[in-house]
Amino acid sequence: MTTIVIAEDHQSLIDGINLLFEYDPNFEIIGMANDGEKLIDLIEQKQPNVVITDIRMPKIDGITATKIIKKKFPKTKVIAFTMFDQQEAVSQMLDAGADAYILKNSGLNDVKKGIETVINGDSYFDAGLDISFLDAEPTPKEKSILSKTEREILRLIGEGKTSNEIAEIRFCSVSTVETHRKNMMRKLDLHGKGELLRYALEKKYDF
């Protein structure tokens, strides 16, 4: 039997998932949490096979929670179940160790299919996601001097996003974005306001 813990604060979704597995002897929901802190406690107590978690949660967000779960319980499968379809959210959850990414506007049968897929050792992505960026590679020079996070922020800069907008997209503070900007300027030997944007536009980042 596959045991499941859910981190979700929308009762209607919890009810729907409960109903989905209510009469299925192969699955059992053994716990529910409405914030990341409670989720970690539940997993430590019950050690489920699968965790279904939202990304944006009180106390500990889903990205941080996934990192903690994967570090403490590497065999536990984590499924992101969220409204966010942005590349940044997908990338951050995958970097944290998520095994699947499912959008909340999909049918609940996709949740079941996702669980079955990750239990069998494969990754699962919602059909509504554009994951082509996963196959793209930066140039050797950029790969060698910029971290993955820096490359992602540079791409957003090239799209004309402000530091505030990037912070919102990446679920981090504006000061964190500004620090990355300064580090990239130093690594790329760029000087002057607007040079980072010009560099990003010239390179036409696509990853």
N, C-alpha and C. Protein backbone atom coordinates (compact mmCIF):
# COMPACT_ATOMS: atom_id res chain seq x y z
N MET A 1 0.84 -1.21 0.00
CA MET A 1 0.00 0.00 0.00
C MET A 1 0.87 1.25 0.00
N THR A 2 0.47 2.24 -0.78
CA THR A 2 1.18 3.52 -0.85
C THR A 2 0.57 4.48 0.15
N THR A 3 1.39 4.97 1.08
CA THR A 3 0.91 5.92 2.08
C THR A 3 1.21 7.34 1.64
N ILE A 4 0.27 8.24 1.94
CA ILE A 4 0.34 9.61 1.41
C ILE A 4 0.10 10.63 2.52
N VAL A 5 0.89 11.71 2.49
CA VAL A 5 0.65 12.88 3.34
C VAL A 5 0.42 14.07 2.42
N ILE A 6 -0.57 14.90 2.75
CA ILE A 6 -0.94 16.05 1.93
C ILE A 6 -0.69 17.35 2.69
N ALA A 7 -0.05 18.31 2.03
CA ALA A 7 0.09 19.66 2.59
C ALA A 7 -0.71 20.61 1.70
N GLU A 8 -1.83 21.06 2.19
CA GLU A 8 -2.75 21.87 1.38
C GLU A 8 -3.69 22.61 2.32
N ASP A 9 -3.99 23.88 2.00
CA ASP A 9 -4.88 24.65 2.88
C ASP A 9 -6.25 24.89 2.27
N HIS A 10 -6.52 24.31 1.10
CA HIS A 10 -7.85 24.42 0.51
C HIS A 10 -8.64 23.14 0.80
N GLN A 11 -9.64 23.25 1.63
CA GLN A 11 -10.37 22.07 2.09
C GLN A 11 -11.02 21.33 0.93
N SER A 12 -11.49 22.06 -0.07
CA SER A 12 -12.16 21.39 -1.19
C SER A 12 -11.20 20.46 -1.93
N LEU A 13 -9.95 20.85 -2.05
CA LEU A 13 -8.97 19.99 -2.70
C LEU A 13 -8.65 18.78 -1.84
N ILE A 14 -8.55 19.00 -0.55
CA ILE A 14 -8.30 17.88 0.37
C ILE A 14 -9.45 16.89 0.30
N ASP A 15 -10.67 17.41 0.30
CA ASP A 15 -11.86 16.54 0.21
C ASP A 15 -11.84 15.75 -1.10
N GLY A 16 -11.45 16.43 -2.18
CA GLY A 16 -11.42 15.76 -3.48
C GLY A 16 -10.40 14.64 -3.52
N ILE A 17 -9.21 14.88 -2.97
CA ILE A 17 -8.17 13.86 -2.95
C ILE A 17 -8.58 12.70 -2.04
N ASN A 18 -9.18 13.04 -0.91
CA ASN A 18 -9.68 11.99 -0.01
C ASN A 18 -10.69 11.09 -0.71
N LEU A 19 -11.60 11.72 -1.43
CA LEU A 19 -12.63 10.98 -2.15
C LEU A 19 -12.01 10.10 -3.23
N LEU A 20 -10.98 10.61 -3.87
CA LEU A 20 -10.31 9.87 -4.95
C LEU A 20 -9.76 8.53 -4.46
N PHE A 21 -9.24 8.53 -3.23
CA PHE A 21 -8.59 7.31 -2.71
C PHE A 21 -9.42 6.56 -1.66
N GLU A 22 -10.60 7.06 -1.38
CA GLU A 22 -11.41 6.51 -0.28
C GLU A 22 -11.65 5.01 -0.42
N TYR A 23 -11.92 4.56 -1.62
CA TYR A 23 -12.26 3.14 -1.82
C TYR A 23 -11.18 2.39 -2.59
N ASP A 24 -9.98 2.96 -2.63
CA ASP A 24 -8.87 2.30 -3.33
C ASP A 24 -7.94 1.67 -2.31
N PRO A 25 -7.88 0.34 -2.26
CA PRO A 25 -7.07 -0.34 -1.24
C PRO A 25 -5.56 -0.18 -1.44
N ASN A 26 -5.15 0.38 -2.59
CA ASN A 26 -3.72 0.52 -2.86
C ASN A 26 -3.13 1.82 -2.32
N PHE A 27 -4.00 2.72 -1.86
CA PHE A 27 -3.54 4.02 -1.38
C PHE A 27 -4.19 4.35 -0.04
N GLU A 28 -3.44 5.04 0.82
CA GLU A 28 -4.00 5.48 2.09
C GLU A 28 -3.43 6.84 2.47
N ILE A 29 -4.30 7.80 2.72
CA ILE A 29 -3.88 9.12 3.19
C ILE A 29 -3.73 9.04 4.71
N ILE A 30 -2.50 9.24 5.18
CA ILE A 30 -2.23 9.03 6.61
C ILE A 30 -1.98 10.34 7.37
N GLY A 31 -2.09 11.47 6.67
CA GLY A 31 -1.90 12.73 7.37
C GLY A 31 -2.12 13.92 6.47
N MET A 32 -2.52 15.06 7.06
CA MET A 32 -2.74 16.29 6.32
C MET A 32 -2.20 17.46 7.12
N ALA A 33 -1.59 18.41 6.42
CA ALA A 33 -1.02 19.60 7.08
C ALA A 33 -1.42 20.84 6.30
N ASN A 34 -1.54 21.96 7.00
CA ASN A 34 -1.86 23.22 6.32
C ASN A 34 -0.72 24.23 6.38
N ASP A 35 0.44 23.80 6.84
CA ASP A 35 1.64 24.64 6.75
C ASP A 35 2.87 23.73 6.69
N GLY A 36 3.98 24.31 6.24
CA GLY A 36 5.18 23.52 6.02
C GLY A 36 5.79 22.94 7.28
N GLU A 37 5.66 23.66 8.38
CA GLU A 37 6.21 23.18 9.65
C GLU A 37 5.50 21.91 10.10
N LYS A 38 4.17 21.94 10.03
CA LYS A 38 3.40 20.76 10.41
C LYS A 38 3.68 19.60 9.45
N LEU A 39 3.90 19.93 8.17
CA LEU A 39 4.20 18.90 7.19
C LEU A 39 5.47 18.14 7.57
N ILE A 40 6.53 18.85 7.92
CA ILE A 40 7.78 18.21 8.31
C ILE A 40 7.58 17.32 9.53
N ASP A 41 6.82 17.83 10.52
CA ASP A 41 6.54 17.04 11.72
C ASP A 41 5.80 15.75 11.38
N LEU A 42 4.81 15.86 10.49
CA LEU A 42 4.02 14.69 10.08
C LEU A 42 4.89 13.64 9.41
N ILE A 43 5.77 14.09 8.55
CA ILE A 43 6.62 13.16 7.81
C ILE A 43 7.59 12.46 8.75
N GLU A 44 8.11 13.19 9.72
CA GLU A 44 9.03 12.59 10.68
C GLU A 44 8.30 11.54 11.52
N GLN A 45 7.03 11.78 11.81
CA GLN A 45 6.25 10.84 12.62
C GLN A 45 5.80 9.62 11.82
N LYS A 46 5.34 9.85 10.60
CA LYS A 46 4.65 8.79 9.84
C LYS A 46 5.43 8.24 8.65
N GLN A 47 6.43 8.98 8.18
CA GLN A 47 7.29 8.54 7.09
C GLN A 47 6.50 7.92 5.92
N PRO A 48 5.71 8.74 5.24
CA PRO A 48 4.89 8.25 4.13
C PRO A 48 5.73 7.93 2.90
N ASN A 49 5.14 7.20 1.97
CA ASN A 49 5.80 6.93 0.69
C ASN A 49 5.79 8.15 -0.20
N VAL A 50 4.68 8.93 -0.13
CA VAL A 50 4.49 10.06 -1.03
C VAL A 50 4.01 11.28 -0.26
N VAL A 51 4.54 12.44 -0.63
CA VAL A 51 4.08 13.72 -0.08
C VAL A 51 3.54 14.57 -1.22
N ILE A 52 2.33 15.07 -1.07
CA ILE A 52 1.75 16.01 -2.03
C ILE A 52 1.74 17.37 -1.37
N THR A 53 2.46 18.33 -1.95
CA THR A 53 2.58 19.63 -1.27
C THR A 53 2.39 20.81 -2.21
N ASP A 54 1.78 21.84 -1.68
CA ASP A 54 1.70 23.12 -2.39
C ASP A 54 3.08 23.78 -2.29
N ILE A 55 3.31 24.81 -3.08
CA ILE A 55 4.58 25.53 -3.02
C ILE A 55 4.51 26.64 -1.98
N ARG A 56 3.47 27.46 -2.06
CA ARG A 56 3.35 28.59 -1.14
C ARG A 56 2.55 28.16 0.07
N MET A 57 3.22 28.07 1.22
CA MET A 57 2.59 27.68 2.48
C MET A 57 3.11 28.55 3.60
N PRO A 58 2.35 28.68 4.68
CA PRO A 58 2.84 29.43 5.85
C PRO A 58 4.01 28.71 6.52
N LYS A 59 4.81 29.47 7.24
CA LYS A 59 5.91 29.00 8.10
C LYS A 59 7.09 28.45 7.29
N ILE A 60 6.88 27.37 6.55
CA ILE A 60 7.93 26.83 5.68
C ILE A 60 7.31 26.61 4.31
N ASP A 61 7.88 27.22 3.27
CA ASP A 61 7.29 27.06 1.94
C ASP A 61 7.59 25.68 1.38
N GLY A 62 6.90 25.32 0.30
CA GLY A 62 7.02 23.98 -0.26
C GLY A 62 8.40 23.67 -0.80
N ILE A 63 9.11 24.68 -1.30
CA ILE A 63 10.45 24.46 -1.83
C ILE A 63 11.41 24.09 -0.71
N THR A 64 11.39 24.87 0.36
CA THR A 64 12.24 24.58 1.51
C THR A 64 11.86 23.25 2.14
N ALA A 65 10.56 23.01 2.26
CA ALA A 65 10.09 21.75 2.85
C ALA A 65 10.57 20.55 2.04
N THR A 66 10.54 20.68 0.72
CA THR A 66 10.99 19.58 -0.14
C THR A 66 12.47 19.30 0.08
N LYS A 67 13.28 20.34 0.21
CA LYS A 67 14.72 20.16 0.47
C LYS A 67 14.93 19.40 1.78
N ILE A 68 14.17 19.78 2.80
CA ILE A 68 14.30 19.13 4.11
C ILE A 68 13.88 17.67 4.02
N ILE A 69 12.75 17.43 3.36
CA ILE A 69 12.23 16.07 3.22
C ILE A 69 13.23 15.18 2.50
N LYS A 70 13.77 15.69 1.39
CA LYS A 70 14.69 14.88 0.59
C LYS A 70 16.00 14.62 1.31
N LYS A 71 16.40 15.53 2.16
CA LYS A 71 17.64 15.34 2.92
C LYS A 71 17.44 14.30 4.01
N LYS A 72 16.30 14.37 4.71
CA LYS A 72 16.06 13.45 5.82
C LYS A 72 15.49 12.11 5.36
N PHE A 73 14.66 12.15 4.32
CA PHE A 73 13.99 10.92 3.85
C PHE A 73 14.10 10.84 2.33
N PRO A 74 15.28 10.52 1.82
CA PRO A 74 15.50 10.55 0.36
C PRO A 74 14.62 9.60 -0.44
N LYS A 75 14.08 8.58 0.19
CA LYS A 75 13.22 7.63 -0.53
C LYS A 75 11.78 8.13 -0.66
N THR A 76 11.43 9.14 0.12
CA THR A 76 10.07 9.69 0.05
C THR A 76 9.89 10.47 -1.25
N LYS A 77 8.82 10.19 -1.97
CA LYS A 77 8.54 10.88 -3.23
C LYS A 77 7.76 12.16 -2.93
N VAL A 78 8.14 13.25 -3.58
CA VAL A 78 7.47 14.54 -3.37
C VAL A 78 6.82 15.01 -4.66
N ILE A 79 5.53 15.32 -4.56
CA ILE A 79 4.78 15.83 -5.70
C ILE A 79 4.35 17.27 -5.42
N ALA A 80 4.77 18.19 -6.28
CA ALA A 80 4.30 19.57 -6.17
C ALA A 80 2.91 19.65 -6.77
N PHE A 81 1.98 20.22 -6.01
CA PHE A 81 0.59 20.35 -6.45
C PHE A 81 0.21 21.81 -6.24
N THR A 82 0.20 22.60 -7.32
CA THR A 82 0.20 24.05 -7.16
C THR A 82 -0.49 24.76 -8.32
N MET A 83 -0.77 26.05 -8.11
CA MET A 83 -1.32 26.88 -9.18
C MET A 83 -0.22 27.47 -10.04
N PHE A 84 1.01 27.49 -9.55
CA PHE A 84 2.11 28.16 -10.25
C PHE A 84 2.63 27.33 -11.41
N ASP A 85 2.52 27.90 -12.62
CA ASP A 85 3.03 27.19 -13.79
C ASP A 85 4.27 27.87 -14.37
N GLN A 86 4.82 28.86 -13.64
CA GLN A 86 6.01 29.57 -14.13
C GLN A 86 7.23 28.65 -14.11
N GLN A 87 8.10 28.87 -15.07
CA GLN A 87 9.33 28.09 -15.17
C GLN A 87 10.15 28.16 -13.89
N GLU A 88 10.18 29.34 -13.26
CA GLU A 88 10.98 29.51 -12.05
C GLU A 88 10.50 28.59 -10.93
N ALA A 89 9.17 28.50 -10.77
CA ALA A 89 8.63 27.64 -9.72
C ALA A 89 8.95 26.18 -9.99
N VAL A 90 8.77 25.76 -11.24
CA VAL A 90 9.07 24.38 -11.62
C VAL A 90 10.55 24.09 -11.36
N SER A 91 11.41 24.98 -11.82
CA SER A 91 12.85 24.79 -11.69
C SER A 91 13.27 24.69 -10.23
N GLN A 92 12.71 25.56 -9.39
CA GLN A 92 13.09 25.55 -7.98
C GLN A 92 12.63 24.28 -7.27
N MET A 93 11.43 23.81 -7.62
CA MET A 93 10.95 22.57 -7.00
C MET A 93 11.77 21.37 -7.46
N LEU A 94 12.14 21.35 -8.72
CA LEU A 94 12.97 20.24 -9.21
C LEU A 94 14.35 20.29 -8.57
N ASP A 95 14.91 21.48 -8.44
CA ASP A 95 16.21 21.62 -7.78
C ASP A 95 16.14 21.15 -6.33
N ALA A 96 14.99 21.38 -5.71
CA ALA A 96 14.81 20.96 -4.31
C ALA A 96 14.67 19.44 -4.19
N GLY A 97 14.33 18.78 -5.31
CA GLY A 97 14.22 17.32 -5.29
C GLY A 97 12.86 16.76 -5.60
N ALA A 98 11.90 17.61 -6.01
CA ALA A 98 10.55 17.12 -6.31
C ALA A 98 10.58 16.09 -7.44
N ASP A 99 9.71 15.08 -7.33
CA ASP A 99 9.64 14.01 -8.32
C ASP A 99 8.55 14.23 -9.35
N ALA A 100 7.61 15.12 -9.05
CA ALA A 100 6.51 15.38 -9.97
C ALA A 100 6.01 16.80 -9.76
N TYR A 101 5.36 17.35 -10.79
CA TYR A 101 4.83 18.71 -10.72
C TYR A 101 3.47 18.71 -11.41
N ILE A 102 2.42 18.96 -10.63
CA ILE A 102 1.05 18.89 -11.13
C ILE A 102 0.32 20.19 -10.83
N LEU A 103 -0.41 20.71 -11.80
CA LEU A 103 -1.16 21.95 -11.62
C LEU A 103 -2.54 21.67 -11.03
N LYS A 104 -2.98 22.59 -10.18
CA LYS A 104 -4.25 22.38 -9.49
C LYS A 104 -5.47 22.45 -10.42
N ASN A 105 -5.29 23.04 -11.60
CA ASN A 105 -6.44 23.09 -12.51
C ASN A 105 -6.58 21.81 -13.34
N SER A 106 -5.71 20.84 -13.07
CA SER A 106 -5.82 19.54 -13.73
C SER A 106 -6.80 18.66 -12.96
N GLY A 107 -7.23 17.59 -13.55
CA GLY A 107 -8.15 16.67 -12.88
C GLY A 107 -7.43 15.88 -11.79
N LEU A 108 -8.18 15.44 -10.81
CA LEU A 108 -7.58 14.68 -9.71
C LEU A 108 -7.01 13.34 -10.18
N ASN A 109 -7.50 12.85 -11.30
CA ASN A 109 -6.93 11.61 -11.83
C ASN A 109 -5.46 11.81 -12.20
N ASP A 110 -5.08 13.07 -12.52
CA ASP A 110 -3.67 13.35 -12.79
C ASP A 110 -2.84 13.17 -11.53
N VAL A 111 -3.44 13.49 -10.39
CA VAL A 111 -2.75 13.29 -9.12
C VAL A 111 -2.47 11.80 -8.90
N LYS A 112 -3.47 11.00 -9.15
CA LYS A 112 -3.30 9.55 -8.99
C LYS A 112 -2.25 9.01 -9.96
N LYS A 113 -2.31 9.48 -11.20
CA LYS A 113 -1.34 9.05 -12.20
C LYS A 113 0.07 9.48 -11.80
N GLY A 114 0.17 10.69 -11.26
CA GLY A 114 1.47 11.19 -10.81
C GLY A 114 2.04 10.33 -9.69
N ILE A 115 1.19 9.95 -8.74
CA ILE A 115 1.62 9.10 -7.63
C ILE A 115 2.11 7.75 -8.15
N GLU A 116 1.34 7.15 -9.02
CA GLU A 116 1.71 5.85 -9.57
C GLU A 116 3.04 5.94 -10.33
N THR A 117 3.24 7.05 -11.03
CA THR A 117 4.47 7.23 -11.82
C THR A 117 5.70 7.36 -10.93
N VAL A 118 5.61 8.20 -9.89
CA VAL A 118 6.79 8.41 -9.04
C VAL A 118 7.10 7.18 -8.19
N ILE A 119 6.08 6.45 -7.80
CA ILE A 119 6.30 5.22 -7.03
C ILE A 119 7.08 4.21 -7.87
N ASN A 120 6.88 4.26 -9.17
CA ASN A 120 7.59 3.36 -10.08
C ASN A 120 8.98 3.88 -10.45
N GLY A 121 9.36 5.03 -9.85
CA GLY A 121 10.71 5.53 -10.05
C GLY A 121 10.89 6.54 -11.16
N ASP A 122 9.79 7.01 -11.76
CA ASP A 122 9.88 7.98 -12.84
C ASP A 122 9.39 9.36 -12.39
N SER A 123 9.71 10.38 -13.17
CA SER A 123 9.21 11.73 -12.92
C SER A 123 7.90 11.92 -13.66
N TYR A 124 7.09 12.85 -13.14
CA TYR A 124 5.80 13.13 -13.79
C TYR A 124 5.59 14.63 -13.87
N PHE A 125 5.21 15.10 -15.06
CA PHE A 125 4.94 16.52 -15.25
C PHE A 125 3.56 16.71 -15.84
N ASP A 126 2.86 17.69 -15.32
CA ASP A 126 1.53 18.03 -15.83
C ASP A 126 1.61 18.34 -17.32
N ALA A 127 0.62 17.86 -18.06
CA ALA A 127 0.60 18.08 -19.52
C ALA A 127 0.52 19.56 -19.87
N GLY A 128 0.05 20.39 -18.94
CA GLY A 128 -0.08 21.81 -19.20
C GLY A 128 1.19 22.61 -18.99
N LEU A 129 2.27 21.95 -18.58
CA LEU A 129 3.53 22.64 -18.33
C LEU A 129 4.43 22.66 -19.56
N ASP A 130 5.14 23.76 -19.72
CA ASP A 130 6.18 23.83 -20.75
C ASP A 130 7.50 23.54 -20.04
N ILE A 131 8.04 22.35 -20.27
CA ILE A 131 9.28 21.96 -19.60
C ILE A 131 10.44 21.85 -20.59
N SER A 132 10.30 22.50 -21.73
CA SER A 132 11.36 22.44 -22.74
C SER A 132 12.67 23.02 -22.21
N PHE A 133 12.58 23.93 -21.25
CA PHE A 133 13.78 24.56 -20.70
C PHE A 133 14.68 23.55 -20.01
N LEU A 134 14.14 22.40 -19.62
CA LEU A 134 14.94 21.40 -18.91
C LEU A 134 16.03 20.80 -19.80
N ASP A 135 15.81 20.83 -21.12
CA ASP A 135 16.76 20.23 -22.05
C ASP A 135 17.79 21.21 -22.57
N ALA A 136 17.58 22.51 -22.31
CA ALA A 136 18.49 23.52 -22.86
C ALA A 136 19.74 23.65 -22.00
N GLU A 137 20.84 24.01 -22.63
CA GLU A 137 22.12 24.15 -21.93
C GLU A 137 22.70 25.53 -22.16
N PRO A 138 23.29 26.14 -21.14
CA PRO A 138 24.00 27.41 -21.33
C PRO A 138 25.31 27.17 -22.07
N THR A 139 25.93 28.24 -22.55
CA THR A 139 27.21 28.08 -23.23
C THR A 139 28.27 27.67 -22.21
N PRO A 140 29.37 27.05 -22.66
CA PRO A 140 30.41 26.58 -21.72
C PRO A 140 30.93 27.67 -20.79
N LYS A 141 31.17 28.89 -21.36
CA LYS A 141 31.71 29.97 -20.53
C LYS A 141 30.74 30.34 -19.42
N GLU A 142 29.47 30.54 -19.79
CA GLU A 142 28.48 30.94 -18.80
C GLU A 142 28.25 29.85 -17.78
N LYS A 143 28.27 28.60 -18.26
CA LYS A 143 28.07 27.47 -17.35
C LYS A 143 29.18 27.42 -16.32
N SER A 144 30.39 27.82 -16.72
CA SER A 144 31.53 27.69 -15.83
C SER A 144 31.59 28.79 -14.78
N ILE A 145 31.04 29.96 -15.07
CA ILE A 145 31.21 31.06 -14.13
C ILE A 145 29.93 31.48 -13.40
N LEU A 146 28.76 31.16 -13.95
CA LEU A 146 27.51 31.54 -13.30
C LEU A 146 26.81 30.30 -12.75
N SER A 147 26.26 30.44 -11.56
CA SER A 147 25.48 29.35 -10.98
C SER A 147 24.14 29.24 -11.71
N LYS A 148 23.45 28.13 -11.48
CA LYS A 148 22.15 27.94 -12.12
C LYS A 148 21.18 29.05 -11.71
N THR A 149 21.19 29.41 -10.43
CA THR A 149 20.31 30.48 -9.95
C THR A 149 20.63 31.79 -10.64
N GLU A 150 21.92 32.08 -10.79
CA GLU A 150 22.33 33.33 -11.45
C GLU A 150 21.89 33.34 -12.91
N ARG A 151 22.01 32.21 -13.59
CA ARG A 151 21.59 32.15 -14.99
C ARG A 151 20.08 32.37 -15.12
N GLU A 152 19.32 31.82 -14.17
CA GLU A 152 17.87 32.00 -14.21
C GLU A 152 17.49 33.45 -13.96
N ILE A 153 18.18 34.09 -13.02
CA ILE A 153 17.92 35.51 -12.75
C ILE A 153 18.34 36.35 -13.94
N LEU A 154 19.45 36.01 -14.57
CA LEU A 154 19.91 36.75 -15.75
C LEU A 154 18.89 36.66 -16.88
N ARG A 155 18.29 35.49 -17.04
CA ARG A 155 17.25 35.33 -18.07
C ARG A 155 16.07 36.25 -17.78
N LEU A 156 15.67 36.33 -16.50
CA LEU A 156 14.56 37.21 -16.12
C LEU A 156 14.91 38.68 -16.34
N ILE A 157 16.16 39.04 -16.06
CA ILE A 157 16.61 40.40 -16.33
C ILE A 157 16.48 40.70 -17.82
N GLY A 158 16.86 39.72 -18.64
CA GLY A 158 16.74 39.88 -20.09
C GLY A 158 15.31 40.04 -20.56
N GLU A 159 14.37 39.54 -19.75
CA GLU A 159 12.94 39.69 -20.07
C GLU A 159 12.39 41.02 -19.57
N GLY A 160 13.28 41.83 -18.96
CA GLY A 160 12.86 43.15 -18.50
C GLY A 160 12.26 43.18 -17.11
N LYS A 161 12.44 42.11 -16.36
CA LYS A 161 11.87 42.05 -15.01
C LYS A 161 12.70 42.89 -14.05
N THR A 162 12.02 43.56 -13.12
CA THR A 162 12.70 44.33 -12.08
C THR A 162 13.11 43.39 -10.95
N SER A 163 13.93 43.90 -10.05
CA SER A 163 14.35 43.08 -8.90
C SER A 163 13.14 42.67 -8.06
N ASN A 164 12.19 43.59 -7.90
CA ASN A 164 10.98 43.26 -7.14
C ASN A 164 10.20 42.13 -7.81
N GLU A 165 10.08 42.20 -9.13
CA GLU A 165 9.35 41.17 -9.88
C GLU A 165 10.08 39.83 -9.82
N ILE A 166 11.40 39.88 -9.93
CA ILE A 166 12.18 38.64 -9.86
C ILE A 166 12.06 38.01 -8.48
N ALA A 167 12.09 38.83 -7.45
CA ALA A 167 11.94 38.31 -6.08
C ALA A 167 10.59 37.62 -5.91
N GLU A 168 9.55 38.20 -6.48
CA GLU A 168 8.21 37.60 -6.39
C GLU A 168 8.16 36.28 -7.15
N ILE A 169 8.74 36.25 -8.34
CA ILE A 169 8.74 35.04 -9.15
C ILE A 169 9.53 33.92 -8.47
N ARG A 170 10.64 34.28 -7.84
CA ARG A 170 11.53 33.27 -7.27
C ARG A 170 11.29 33.02 -5.78
N PHE A 171 10.27 33.68 -5.24
CA PHE A 171 9.91 33.48 -3.83
C PHE A 171 11.10 33.77 -2.91
N CYS A 172 11.80 34.90 -3.18
CA CYS A 172 12.92 35.27 -2.34
C CYS A 172 12.84 36.77 -2.07
N SER A 173 13.79 37.30 -1.30
CA SER A 173 13.79 38.73 -0.98
C SER A 173 14.44 39.54 -2.09
N VAL A 174 14.09 40.83 -2.14
CA VAL A 174 14.71 41.73 -3.12
C VAL A 174 16.21 41.83 -2.88
N SER A 175 16.62 41.83 -1.61
CA SER A 175 18.05 41.93 -1.30
C SER A 175 18.82 40.72 -1.84
N THR A 176 18.18 39.55 -1.85
CA THR A 176 18.82 38.35 -2.42
C THR A 176 19.05 38.53 -3.91
N VAL A 177 18.05 39.07 -4.60
CA VAL A 177 18.19 39.32 -6.04
C VAL A 177 19.30 40.33 -6.30
N GLU A 178 19.35 41.39 -5.50
CA GLU A 178 20.37 42.41 -5.67
C GLU A 178 21.77 41.85 -5.45
N THR A 179 21.89 40.93 -4.49
CA THR A 179 23.18 40.28 -4.24
C THR A 179 23.61 39.46 -5.44
N HIS A 180 22.67 38.73 -6.03
CA HIS A 180 22.97 37.95 -7.23
C HIS A 180 23.38 38.87 -8.38
N ARG A 181 22.71 40.00 -8.51
CA ARG A 181 23.06 40.97 -9.55
C ARG A 181 24.53 41.42 -9.39
N LYS A 182 24.90 41.77 -8.18
CA LYS A 182 26.26 42.24 -7.92
C LYS A 182 27.28 41.14 -8.21
N ASN A 183 26.95 39.90 -7.81
CA ASN A 183 27.87 38.79 -8.06
C ASN A 183 28.05 38.53 -9.55
N MET A 184 26.95 38.63 -10.30
CA MET A 184 27.05 38.42 -11.75
C MET A 184 27.86 39.52 -12.42
N MET A 185 27.67 40.77 -11.97
CA MET A 185 28.44 41.89 -12.52
C MET A 185 29.93 41.64 -12.30
N ARG A 186 30.27 41.16 -11.10
CA ARG A 186 31.67 40.90 -10.79
C ARG A 186 32.22 39.74 -11.64
N LYS A 187 31.46 38.64 -11.71
CA LYS A 187 31.92 37.45 -12.45
C LYS A 187 32.07 37.73 -13.95
N LEU A 188 31.15 38.54 -14.48
CA LEU A 188 31.16 38.81 -15.92
C LEU A 188 31.98 40.05 -16.28
N ASP A 189 32.57 40.66 -15.25
CA ASP A 189 33.40 41.86 -15.44
C ASP A 189 32.61 42.96 -16.15
N LEU A 190 31.41 43.23 -15.63
CA LEU A 190 30.55 44.26 -16.19
C LEU A 190 30.56 45.47 -15.26
N HIS A 191 30.45 46.65 -15.85
CA HIS A 191 30.48 47.88 -15.05
C HIS A 191 29.43 48.85 -15.57
N GLY A 192 28.77 49.51 -14.66
CA GLY A 192 27.81 50.53 -15.05
C GLY A 192 26.38 50.02 -15.06
N LYS A 193 25.47 50.94 -14.79
CA LYS A 193 24.04 50.64 -14.77
C LYS A 193 23.55 50.21 -16.15
N GLY A 194 22.81 49.15 -16.20
CA GLY A 194 22.24 48.69 -17.46
C GLY A 194 23.09 47.68 -18.21
N GLU A 195 24.35 47.48 -17.76
CA GLU A 195 25.23 46.56 -18.47
C GLU A 195 24.77 45.11 -18.36
N LEU A 196 24.21 44.77 -17.20
CA LEU A 196 23.73 43.39 -17.01
C LEU A 196 22.56 43.11 -17.94
N LEU A 197 21.67 44.07 -18.06
CA LEU A 197 20.53 43.92 -18.98
C LEU A 197 21.03 43.81 -20.42
N ARG A 198 21.97 44.65 -20.80
CA ARG A 198 22.51 44.62 -22.16
C ARG A 198 23.16 43.25 -22.45
N TYR A 199 23.89 42.74 -21.46
CA TYR A 199 24.54 41.44 -21.62
C TYR A 199 23.50 40.34 -21.82
N ALA A 200 22.45 40.37 -20.99
CA ALA A 200 21.40 39.35 -21.09
C ALA A 200 20.71 39.40 -22.44
N LEU A 201 20.45 40.60 -22.94
CA LEU A 201 19.79 40.74 -24.24
C LEU A 201 20.69 40.27 -25.37
N GLU A 202 21.96 40.55 -25.27
CA GLU A 202 22.91 40.12 -26.31
C GLU A 202 23.05 38.60 -26.36
N LYS A 203 23.03 37.99 -25.16
CA LYS A 203 23.21 36.54 -25.09
C LYS A 203 21.94 35.79 -25.45
N LYS A 204 20.79 36.51 -25.36
CA LYS A 204 19.49 35.89 -25.67
C LYS A 204 19.33 34.57 -24.89
N TYR A 205 19.40 34.66 -23.60
CA TYR A 205 19.30 33.47 -22.75
C TYR A 205 18.02 32.69 -23.03
N ASP A 206 18.18 31.41 -23.17
CA ASP A 206 17.04 30.53 -23.43
C ASP A 206 17.27 29.19 -22.74
N PHE A 207 17.01 29.15 -21.43
CA PHE A 207 17.15 27.89 -20.69
C PHE A 207 16.29 27.94 -19.45
